[in-house]
N, C-alpha and C. Protein backbone atom coordinates (compact mmCIF):
# COMPACT_ATOMS: atom_id res chain seq x y z
N MET A 1 25.50 47.95 -27.19
CA MET A 1 26.10 47.10 -26.20
C MET A 1 25.98 47.79 -24.85
N ALA A 2 25.62 47.01 -23.85
CA ALA A 2 25.47 47.57 -22.52
C ALA A 2 25.99 46.57 -21.50
N MET A 3 26.62 47.11 -20.49
CA MET A 3 27.09 46.26 -19.39
C MET A 3 26.10 46.42 -18.25
N VAL A 4 25.51 45.31 -17.83
CA VAL A 4 24.50 45.36 -16.80
C VAL A 4 24.99 44.57 -15.59
N ALA A 5 25.06 45.24 -14.47
CA ALA A 5 25.46 44.58 -13.23
C ALA A 5 24.18 44.11 -12.53
N THR A 6 24.12 42.83 -12.24
CA THR A 6 22.94 42.30 -11.56
C THR A 6 23.36 41.50 -10.33
N CYS A 7 22.48 41.46 -9.40
CA CYS A 7 22.69 40.66 -8.20
C CYS A 7 21.94 39.34 -8.40
N PRO A 8 22.63 38.21 -8.28
CA PRO A 8 21.94 36.93 -8.48
C PRO A 8 20.72 36.76 -7.59
N ASP A 9 20.73 37.38 -6.43
CA ASP A 9 19.61 37.27 -5.51
C ASP A 9 18.36 37.96 -6.04
N ASP A 10 18.54 38.88 -7.02
CA ASP A 10 17.41 39.60 -7.60
C ASP A 10 16.72 38.82 -8.72
N LEU A 11 17.22 37.64 -9.04
CA LEU A 11 16.63 36.85 -10.13
C LEU A 11 15.21 36.40 -9.80
N VAL A 12 14.95 36.11 -8.53
CA VAL A 12 13.61 35.68 -8.12
C VAL A 12 13.17 36.51 -6.91
N SER A 13 11.87 36.68 -6.78
CA SER A 13 11.33 37.47 -5.67
C SER A 13 11.53 36.74 -4.35
N ALA A 14 11.39 37.46 -3.29
CA ALA A 14 11.58 36.89 -1.95
C ALA A 14 10.53 35.84 -1.62
N THR A 15 9.39 35.87 -2.32
CA THR A 15 8.32 34.91 -2.04
C THR A 15 8.23 33.79 -3.08
N HIS A 16 9.18 33.73 -3.98
CA HIS A 16 9.15 32.70 -5.03
C HIS A 16 9.29 31.31 -4.39
N PRO A 17 8.53 30.32 -4.86
CA PRO A 17 8.59 28.97 -4.28
C PRO A 17 9.98 28.33 -4.31
N VAL A 18 10.83 28.71 -5.24
CA VAL A 18 12.17 28.11 -5.31
C VAL A 18 12.98 28.44 -4.06
N ARG A 19 12.72 29.57 -3.45
CA ARG A 19 13.44 29.93 -2.22
C ARG A 19 13.03 29.01 -1.06
N LEU A 20 11.76 28.71 -0.96
CA LEU A 20 11.28 27.80 0.07
C LEU A 20 11.85 26.41 -0.16
N LEU A 21 11.85 25.98 -1.40
CA LEU A 21 12.39 24.66 -1.72
C LEU A 21 13.88 24.59 -1.36
N GLN A 22 14.64 25.62 -1.64
CA GLN A 22 16.06 25.65 -1.29
C GLN A 22 16.24 25.58 0.23
N ALA A 23 15.38 26.28 0.95
CA ALA A 23 15.44 26.24 2.42
C ALA A 23 15.15 24.83 2.93
N VAL A 24 14.22 24.13 2.30
CA VAL A 24 13.92 22.75 2.68
C VAL A 24 15.13 21.86 2.41
N VAL A 25 15.74 21.99 1.25
CA VAL A 25 16.90 21.16 0.88
C VAL A 25 18.07 21.41 1.83
N GLU A 26 18.25 22.64 2.26
CA GLU A 26 19.34 22.96 3.19
C GLU A 26 19.18 22.25 4.53
N ARG A 27 17.97 21.86 4.88
CA ARG A 27 17.71 21.18 6.15
C ARG A 27 17.75 19.65 6.03
N LEU A 28 17.84 19.14 4.83
CA LEU A 28 17.83 17.69 4.63
C LEU A 28 19.17 17.06 5.00
N ASP A 29 19.12 15.83 5.44
CA ASP A 29 20.33 15.06 5.71
C ASP A 29 20.77 14.41 4.40
N LEU A 30 21.83 14.93 3.81
CA LEU A 30 22.29 14.46 2.50
C LEU A 30 23.62 13.71 2.59
N LYS A 31 23.96 13.16 3.76
CA LYS A 31 25.24 12.47 3.95
C LYS A 31 25.48 11.39 2.91
N GLN A 32 24.45 10.64 2.57
CA GLN A 32 24.60 9.54 1.63
C GLN A 32 25.02 10.02 0.24
N PHE A 33 24.69 11.27 -0.09
CA PHE A 33 25.08 11.81 -1.39
C PHE A 33 26.51 12.35 -1.38
N TYR A 34 27.00 12.71 -0.20
CA TYR A 34 28.36 13.24 -0.08
C TYR A 34 29.41 12.13 0.06
N GLU A 35 29.00 10.98 0.55
CA GLU A 35 29.95 9.89 0.82
C GLU A 35 30.84 9.54 -0.39
N PRO A 36 30.28 9.38 -1.58
CA PRO A 36 31.14 9.00 -2.72
C PRO A 36 32.17 10.05 -3.12
N ILE A 37 32.02 11.29 -2.67
CA ILE A 37 32.95 12.33 -3.10
C ILE A 37 33.87 12.81 -1.97
N GLN A 38 33.88 12.12 -0.85
CA GLN A 38 34.75 12.51 0.26
C GLN A 38 36.22 12.28 -0.11
N ALA A 39 37.09 13.14 0.42
CA ALA A 39 38.53 13.00 0.19
C ALA A 39 39.04 11.75 0.91
N ARG A 40 39.93 11.06 0.24
CA ARG A 40 40.52 9.86 0.81
C ARG A 40 42.04 9.91 0.63
N ARG A 41 42.75 9.48 1.65
CA ARG A 41 44.20 9.51 1.61
C ARG A 41 44.73 8.61 0.49
N GLY A 42 45.65 9.15 -0.29
CA GLY A 42 46.31 8.38 -1.33
C GLY A 42 45.51 8.23 -2.61
N VAL A 43 44.35 8.86 -2.68
CA VAL A 43 43.52 8.76 -3.89
C VAL A 43 43.33 10.16 -4.45
N ALA A 44 43.71 10.32 -5.72
CA ALA A 44 43.54 11.62 -6.36
C ALA A 44 42.06 11.92 -6.53
N GLY A 45 41.69 13.12 -6.22
CA GLY A 45 40.29 13.51 -6.32
C GLY A 45 40.00 14.22 -7.63
N ARG A 46 38.76 14.55 -7.82
CA ARG A 46 38.35 15.32 -8.99
C ARG A 46 37.30 16.32 -8.55
N ASP A 47 37.08 17.30 -9.39
CA ASP A 47 36.06 18.29 -9.08
C ASP A 47 34.71 17.60 -8.94
N ALA A 48 33.92 18.08 -8.03
CA ALA A 48 32.58 17.52 -7.82
C ALA A 48 31.59 18.65 -7.63
N THR A 49 30.44 18.48 -8.22
CA THR A 49 29.35 19.44 -8.02
C THR A 49 28.66 19.09 -6.71
N ASP A 50 28.34 20.09 -5.93
CA ASP A 50 27.72 19.88 -4.62
C ASP A 50 26.41 19.11 -4.78
N PRO A 51 26.29 17.96 -4.12
CA PRO A 51 25.04 17.19 -4.20
C PRO A 51 23.81 17.99 -3.74
N GLN A 52 24.00 18.94 -2.84
CA GLN A 52 22.86 19.75 -2.41
C GLN A 52 22.27 20.50 -3.60
N LEU A 53 23.11 21.03 -4.48
CA LEU A 53 22.64 21.71 -5.68
C LEU A 53 21.89 20.75 -6.58
N LEU A 54 22.44 19.56 -6.80
CA LEU A 54 21.81 18.60 -7.70
C LEU A 54 20.48 18.10 -7.14
N VAL A 55 20.42 17.88 -5.84
CA VAL A 55 19.16 17.47 -5.20
C VAL A 55 18.13 18.59 -5.36
N ALA A 56 18.54 19.82 -5.10
CA ALA A 56 17.62 20.96 -5.22
C ALA A 56 17.12 21.12 -6.65
N LEU A 57 18.01 20.97 -7.62
CA LEU A 57 17.59 21.08 -9.02
C LEU A 57 16.57 20.02 -9.40
N TRP A 58 16.86 18.77 -9.04
CA TRP A 58 15.94 17.69 -9.39
C TRP A 58 14.63 17.82 -8.63
N LEU A 59 14.68 18.23 -7.38
CA LEU A 59 13.46 18.39 -6.61
C LEU A 59 12.59 19.50 -7.19
N TYR A 60 13.21 20.63 -7.53
CA TYR A 60 12.45 21.73 -8.12
C TYR A 60 11.90 21.31 -9.49
N ALA A 61 12.70 20.58 -10.25
CA ALA A 61 12.24 20.09 -11.54
C ALA A 61 11.01 19.19 -11.37
N CYS A 62 11.05 18.33 -10.36
CA CYS A 62 9.90 17.44 -10.10
C CYS A 62 8.65 18.24 -9.77
N THR A 63 8.80 19.29 -8.98
CA THR A 63 7.63 20.10 -8.62
C THR A 63 7.11 20.89 -9.82
N CYS A 64 7.95 21.04 -10.84
CA CYS A 64 7.54 21.73 -12.07
C CYS A 64 7.07 20.73 -13.14
N GLY A 65 7.05 19.45 -12.80
CA GLY A 65 6.60 18.43 -13.74
C GLY A 65 7.63 18.06 -14.78
N MET A 66 8.89 18.24 -14.47
CA MET A 66 9.96 17.99 -15.42
C MET A 66 10.76 16.76 -15.00
N GLY A 67 11.04 15.87 -15.95
CA GLY A 67 11.81 14.67 -15.62
C GLY A 67 12.98 14.43 -16.54
N SER A 68 13.21 15.32 -17.48
CA SER A 68 14.28 15.16 -18.46
C SER A 68 15.54 15.92 -18.03
N ALA A 69 16.67 15.22 -18.04
CA ALA A 69 17.94 15.87 -17.69
C ALA A 69 18.30 16.94 -18.71
N ARG A 70 17.99 16.68 -19.97
CA ARG A 70 18.29 17.68 -21.01
C ARG A 70 17.46 18.95 -20.82
N GLU A 71 16.18 18.77 -20.52
CA GLU A 71 15.32 19.93 -20.29
C GLU A 71 15.77 20.68 -19.03
N LEU A 72 16.13 19.96 -18.00
CA LEU A 72 16.61 20.59 -16.76
C LEU A 72 17.89 21.38 -17.03
N ALA A 73 18.80 20.86 -17.83
CA ALA A 73 20.03 21.58 -18.17
C ALA A 73 19.70 22.86 -18.95
N ARG A 74 18.74 22.76 -19.89
CA ARG A 74 18.33 23.95 -20.65
C ARG A 74 17.72 25.00 -19.72
N ARG A 75 16.84 24.57 -18.84
CA ARG A 75 16.20 25.50 -17.92
C ARG A 75 17.21 26.13 -16.97
N SER A 76 18.25 25.39 -16.60
CA SER A 76 19.27 25.91 -15.70
C SER A 76 20.04 27.06 -16.33
N ALA A 77 20.02 27.13 -17.65
CA ALA A 77 20.68 28.22 -18.36
C ALA A 77 19.71 29.35 -18.70
N ASP A 78 18.42 29.01 -18.87
CA ASP A 78 17.45 29.99 -19.38
C ASP A 78 16.50 30.57 -18.34
N SER A 79 16.08 29.76 -17.40
CA SER A 79 15.05 30.18 -16.45
C SER A 79 15.66 30.87 -15.23
N ALA A 80 15.07 31.98 -14.85
CA ALA A 80 15.60 32.75 -13.71
C ALA A 80 15.60 31.93 -12.42
N ALA A 81 14.53 31.18 -12.18
CA ALA A 81 14.45 30.39 -10.94
C ALA A 81 15.54 29.32 -10.90
N PHE A 82 15.74 28.62 -12.00
CA PHE A 82 16.77 27.59 -12.04
C PHE A 82 18.17 28.21 -11.98
N ARG A 83 18.36 29.36 -12.63
CA ARG A 83 19.66 30.04 -12.56
C ARG A 83 19.95 30.49 -11.13
N TRP A 84 18.93 30.98 -10.43
CA TRP A 84 19.11 31.39 -9.03
C TRP A 84 19.51 30.18 -8.19
N LEU A 85 18.86 29.07 -8.43
CA LEU A 85 19.16 27.85 -7.69
C LEU A 85 20.60 27.40 -7.94
N CYS A 86 21.06 27.54 -9.18
CA CYS A 86 22.43 27.14 -9.53
C CYS A 86 23.47 28.08 -8.95
N GLY A 87 23.12 29.33 -8.75
CA GLY A 87 24.05 30.29 -8.13
C GLY A 87 25.34 30.46 -8.91
N GLY A 88 25.28 30.41 -10.22
CA GLY A 88 26.47 30.61 -11.04
C GLY A 88 27.19 29.32 -11.43
N VAL A 89 26.77 28.20 -10.90
CA VAL A 89 27.36 26.91 -11.26
C VAL A 89 26.67 26.40 -12.51
N THR A 90 27.45 25.96 -13.48
CA THR A 90 26.86 25.40 -14.69
C THR A 90 26.70 23.90 -14.55
N VAL A 91 25.62 23.40 -15.09
CA VAL A 91 25.36 21.96 -15.07
C VAL A 91 25.01 21.52 -16.50
N ASN A 92 25.38 20.30 -16.83
CA ASN A 92 25.01 19.77 -18.13
C ASN A 92 24.13 18.55 -17.95
N HIS A 93 23.52 18.11 -19.03
CA HIS A 93 22.56 17.01 -18.93
C HIS A 93 23.22 15.71 -18.48
N ARG A 94 24.48 15.50 -18.82
CA ARG A 94 25.17 14.27 -18.44
C ARG A 94 25.37 14.22 -16.92
N LEU A 95 25.81 15.32 -16.34
CA LEU A 95 25.98 15.40 -14.89
C LEU A 95 24.65 15.14 -14.18
N LEU A 96 23.59 15.79 -14.65
CA LEU A 96 22.27 15.63 -14.04
C LEU A 96 21.76 14.20 -14.18
N SER A 97 21.93 13.63 -15.36
CA SER A 97 21.47 12.27 -15.61
C SER A 97 22.24 11.25 -14.79
N ASP A 98 23.56 11.41 -14.74
CA ASP A 98 24.39 10.48 -13.96
C ASP A 98 24.04 10.54 -12.48
N PHE A 99 23.82 11.74 -11.96
CA PHE A 99 23.47 11.88 -10.55
C PHE A 99 22.16 11.17 -10.26
N ARG A 100 21.18 11.37 -11.12
CA ARG A 100 19.88 10.73 -10.92
C ARG A 100 20.00 9.21 -11.02
N THR A 101 20.79 8.74 -11.95
CA THR A 101 20.97 7.29 -12.12
C THR A 101 21.74 6.69 -10.95
N ASP A 102 22.80 7.34 -10.53
CA ASP A 102 23.64 6.83 -9.45
C ASP A 102 22.92 6.80 -8.09
N HIS A 103 21.97 7.68 -7.91
CA HIS A 103 21.30 7.81 -6.62
C HIS A 103 19.79 7.62 -6.75
N GLY A 104 19.35 6.82 -7.68
CA GLY A 104 17.93 6.67 -7.98
C GLY A 104 17.06 6.33 -6.79
N ALA A 105 17.40 5.26 -6.07
CA ALA A 105 16.57 4.83 -4.94
C ALA A 105 16.56 5.87 -3.82
N ALA A 106 17.72 6.44 -3.52
CA ALA A 106 17.80 7.45 -2.46
C ALA A 106 17.00 8.71 -2.83
N LEU A 107 17.11 9.13 -4.08
CA LEU A 107 16.36 10.31 -4.53
C LEU A 107 14.86 10.03 -4.49
N ASP A 108 14.46 8.85 -4.91
CA ASP A 108 13.04 8.49 -4.91
C ASP A 108 12.47 8.56 -3.50
N ALA A 109 13.16 7.97 -2.55
CA ALA A 109 12.69 7.98 -1.17
C ALA A 109 12.66 9.40 -0.60
N LEU A 110 13.71 10.15 -0.86
CA LEU A 110 13.80 11.52 -0.36
C LEU A 110 12.71 12.40 -0.96
N PHE A 111 12.53 12.33 -2.28
CA PHE A 111 11.55 13.17 -2.95
C PHE A 111 10.13 12.80 -2.55
N THR A 112 9.88 11.53 -2.33
CA THR A 112 8.55 11.10 -1.91
C THR A 112 8.19 11.76 -0.58
N GLN A 113 9.11 11.76 0.35
CA GLN A 113 8.85 12.37 1.66
C GLN A 113 8.72 13.88 1.56
N VAL A 114 9.63 14.51 0.83
CA VAL A 114 9.62 15.98 0.75
C VAL A 114 8.38 16.46 0.00
N ILE A 115 8.07 15.85 -1.12
CA ILE A 115 6.92 16.30 -1.91
C ILE A 115 5.62 16.04 -1.16
N ALA A 116 5.52 14.90 -0.48
CA ALA A 116 4.32 14.63 0.33
C ALA A 116 4.15 15.72 1.39
N SER A 117 5.25 16.13 2.01
CA SER A 117 5.19 17.18 3.02
C SER A 117 4.79 18.52 2.40
N LEU A 118 5.35 18.84 1.23
CA LEU A 118 5.02 20.10 0.56
C LEU A 118 3.57 20.13 0.09
N VAL A 119 3.06 18.99 -0.37
CA VAL A 119 1.65 18.90 -0.77
C VAL A 119 0.77 19.09 0.45
N ASP A 120 1.14 18.46 1.55
CA ASP A 120 0.37 18.56 2.79
C ASP A 120 0.28 20.00 3.27
N LYS A 121 1.33 20.78 3.05
CA LYS A 121 1.35 22.18 3.51
C LYS A 121 0.86 23.15 2.42
N ASP A 122 0.31 22.60 1.32
CA ASP A 122 -0.21 23.39 0.20
C ASP A 122 0.84 24.29 -0.44
N VAL A 123 2.09 23.86 -0.43
CA VAL A 123 3.16 24.61 -1.08
C VAL A 123 3.22 24.25 -2.56
N VAL A 124 3.04 22.97 -2.86
CA VAL A 124 2.97 22.52 -4.25
C VAL A 124 1.67 21.74 -4.45
N ARG A 125 1.28 21.62 -5.70
CA ARG A 125 0.07 20.91 -6.05
C ARG A 125 0.45 19.76 -6.97
N VAL A 126 -0.09 18.59 -6.69
CA VAL A 126 0.18 17.43 -7.54
C VAL A 126 -0.93 17.36 -8.58
N SER A 127 -0.54 17.53 -9.84
CA SER A 127 -1.53 17.47 -10.90
C SER A 127 -1.41 16.15 -11.68
N ARG A 128 -0.27 15.47 -11.52
CA ARG A 128 -0.08 14.22 -12.24
C ARG A 128 0.90 13.36 -11.46
N VAL A 129 0.54 12.10 -11.30
CA VAL A 129 1.43 11.13 -10.69
C VAL A 129 1.73 10.11 -11.76
N SER A 130 3.01 9.88 -12.05
CA SER A 130 3.36 8.93 -13.10
C SER A 130 4.50 8.04 -12.63
N GLN A 131 4.63 6.93 -13.32
CA GLN A 131 5.65 5.96 -12.97
C GLN A 131 6.24 5.45 -14.27
N ASP A 132 7.55 5.50 -14.40
CA ASP A 132 8.22 5.10 -15.64
C ASP A 132 8.27 3.60 -15.83
N GLY A 133 7.83 3.14 -16.98
CA GLY A 133 8.07 1.79 -17.45
C GLY A 133 7.50 0.65 -16.64
N VAL A 134 6.69 0.93 -15.68
CA VAL A 134 6.15 -0.14 -14.85
C VAL A 134 4.64 -0.15 -15.01
N ARG A 135 4.11 -1.31 -15.33
CA ARG A 135 2.66 -1.41 -15.46
C ARG A 135 2.07 -1.53 -14.06
N VAL A 136 1.11 -0.69 -13.80
CA VAL A 136 0.46 -0.72 -12.50
C VAL A 136 -1.04 -0.83 -12.69
N ARG A 137 -1.67 -1.48 -11.77
CA ARG A 137 -3.11 -1.61 -11.81
C ARG A 137 -3.72 -0.32 -11.27
N VAL A 138 -4.63 0.26 -12.02
CA VAL A 138 -5.23 1.53 -11.63
C VAL A 138 -6.53 1.25 -10.89
N GLY A 139 -6.61 1.74 -9.68
CA GLY A 139 -7.82 1.56 -8.91
C GLY A 139 -8.00 2.68 -7.91
N ALA A 140 -7.31 3.79 -8.11
CA ALA A 140 -7.36 4.89 -7.15
C ALA A 140 -8.52 5.81 -7.49
N GLY A 141 -9.23 6.23 -6.46
CA GLY A 141 -10.30 7.20 -6.65
C GLY A 141 -9.75 8.61 -6.67
N ALA A 142 -10.59 9.56 -7.00
CA ALA A 142 -10.16 10.96 -7.13
C ALA A 142 -9.60 11.52 -5.82
N GLY A 143 -10.11 11.09 -4.69
CA GLY A 143 -9.66 11.66 -3.43
C GLY A 143 -8.67 10.81 -2.67
N SER A 144 -8.13 9.77 -3.29
CA SER A 144 -7.29 8.82 -2.55
C SER A 144 -5.96 9.38 -2.09
N PHE A 145 -5.46 10.45 -2.69
CA PHE A 145 -4.17 11.00 -2.31
C PHE A 145 -4.31 12.34 -1.59
N ARG A 146 -5.51 12.68 -1.18
CA ARG A 146 -5.73 14.02 -0.66
C ARG A 146 -5.82 14.12 0.85
N SER A 147 -5.91 13.02 1.53
CA SER A 147 -6.03 13.10 2.99
C SER A 147 -4.68 12.83 3.64
N GLU A 148 -4.50 13.42 4.80
CA GLU A 148 -3.25 13.24 5.55
C GLU A 148 -3.06 11.78 5.92
N GLU A 149 -4.15 11.11 6.31
CA GLU A 149 -4.06 9.70 6.67
C GLU A 149 -3.57 8.86 5.51
N ARG A 150 -4.07 9.15 4.32
CA ARG A 150 -3.67 8.39 3.13
C ARG A 150 -2.19 8.62 2.81
N LEU A 151 -1.73 9.86 2.91
CA LEU A 151 -0.31 10.15 2.66
C LEU A 151 0.58 9.43 3.65
N GLU A 152 0.19 9.46 4.94
CA GLU A 152 0.99 8.78 5.96
C GLU A 152 1.03 7.29 5.69
N LYS A 153 -0.09 6.73 5.30
CA LYS A 153 -0.17 5.30 5.00
C LYS A 153 0.75 4.96 3.82
N LEU A 154 0.78 5.84 2.82
CA LEU A 154 1.63 5.60 1.65
C LEU A 154 3.11 5.69 1.99
N LEU A 155 3.48 6.51 2.95
CA LEU A 155 4.88 6.69 3.29
C LEU A 155 5.39 5.63 4.24
N VAL A 156 4.51 4.81 4.81
CA VAL A 156 4.94 3.76 5.73
C VAL A 156 5.44 2.56 4.98
């Protein structure tokens, strides 16, 4: 048995992509995610997980090709990068799933803009684009998502 003292900041290197992603999330306007948990006079409150953490977790999961709340909860306990992002806060799959469901449209719009920007700056690489449960007509060429003009057109 050994007692090991560790600094949470030592979990990932200073150049790890999760640090850049966290810096991006810290600059985002997340007011719409905080509104439902604001204190109100005469209404008893409950504990709430910071939406900034949940946005960062889902965004990092997306850049890692992960879309399952259960897998994200497992990684938040096992993976150094996800543990660093959590900063000692525990998350479960229900919390993650409910957040994604409750804020689906807002997360979709936010992630589309952020990921397009990260791809443009060569921070992340898109290896697969998928869409859940919706049949779409496929007609995109290999280079259709690689130019700045095309990304801007898609975001309009």
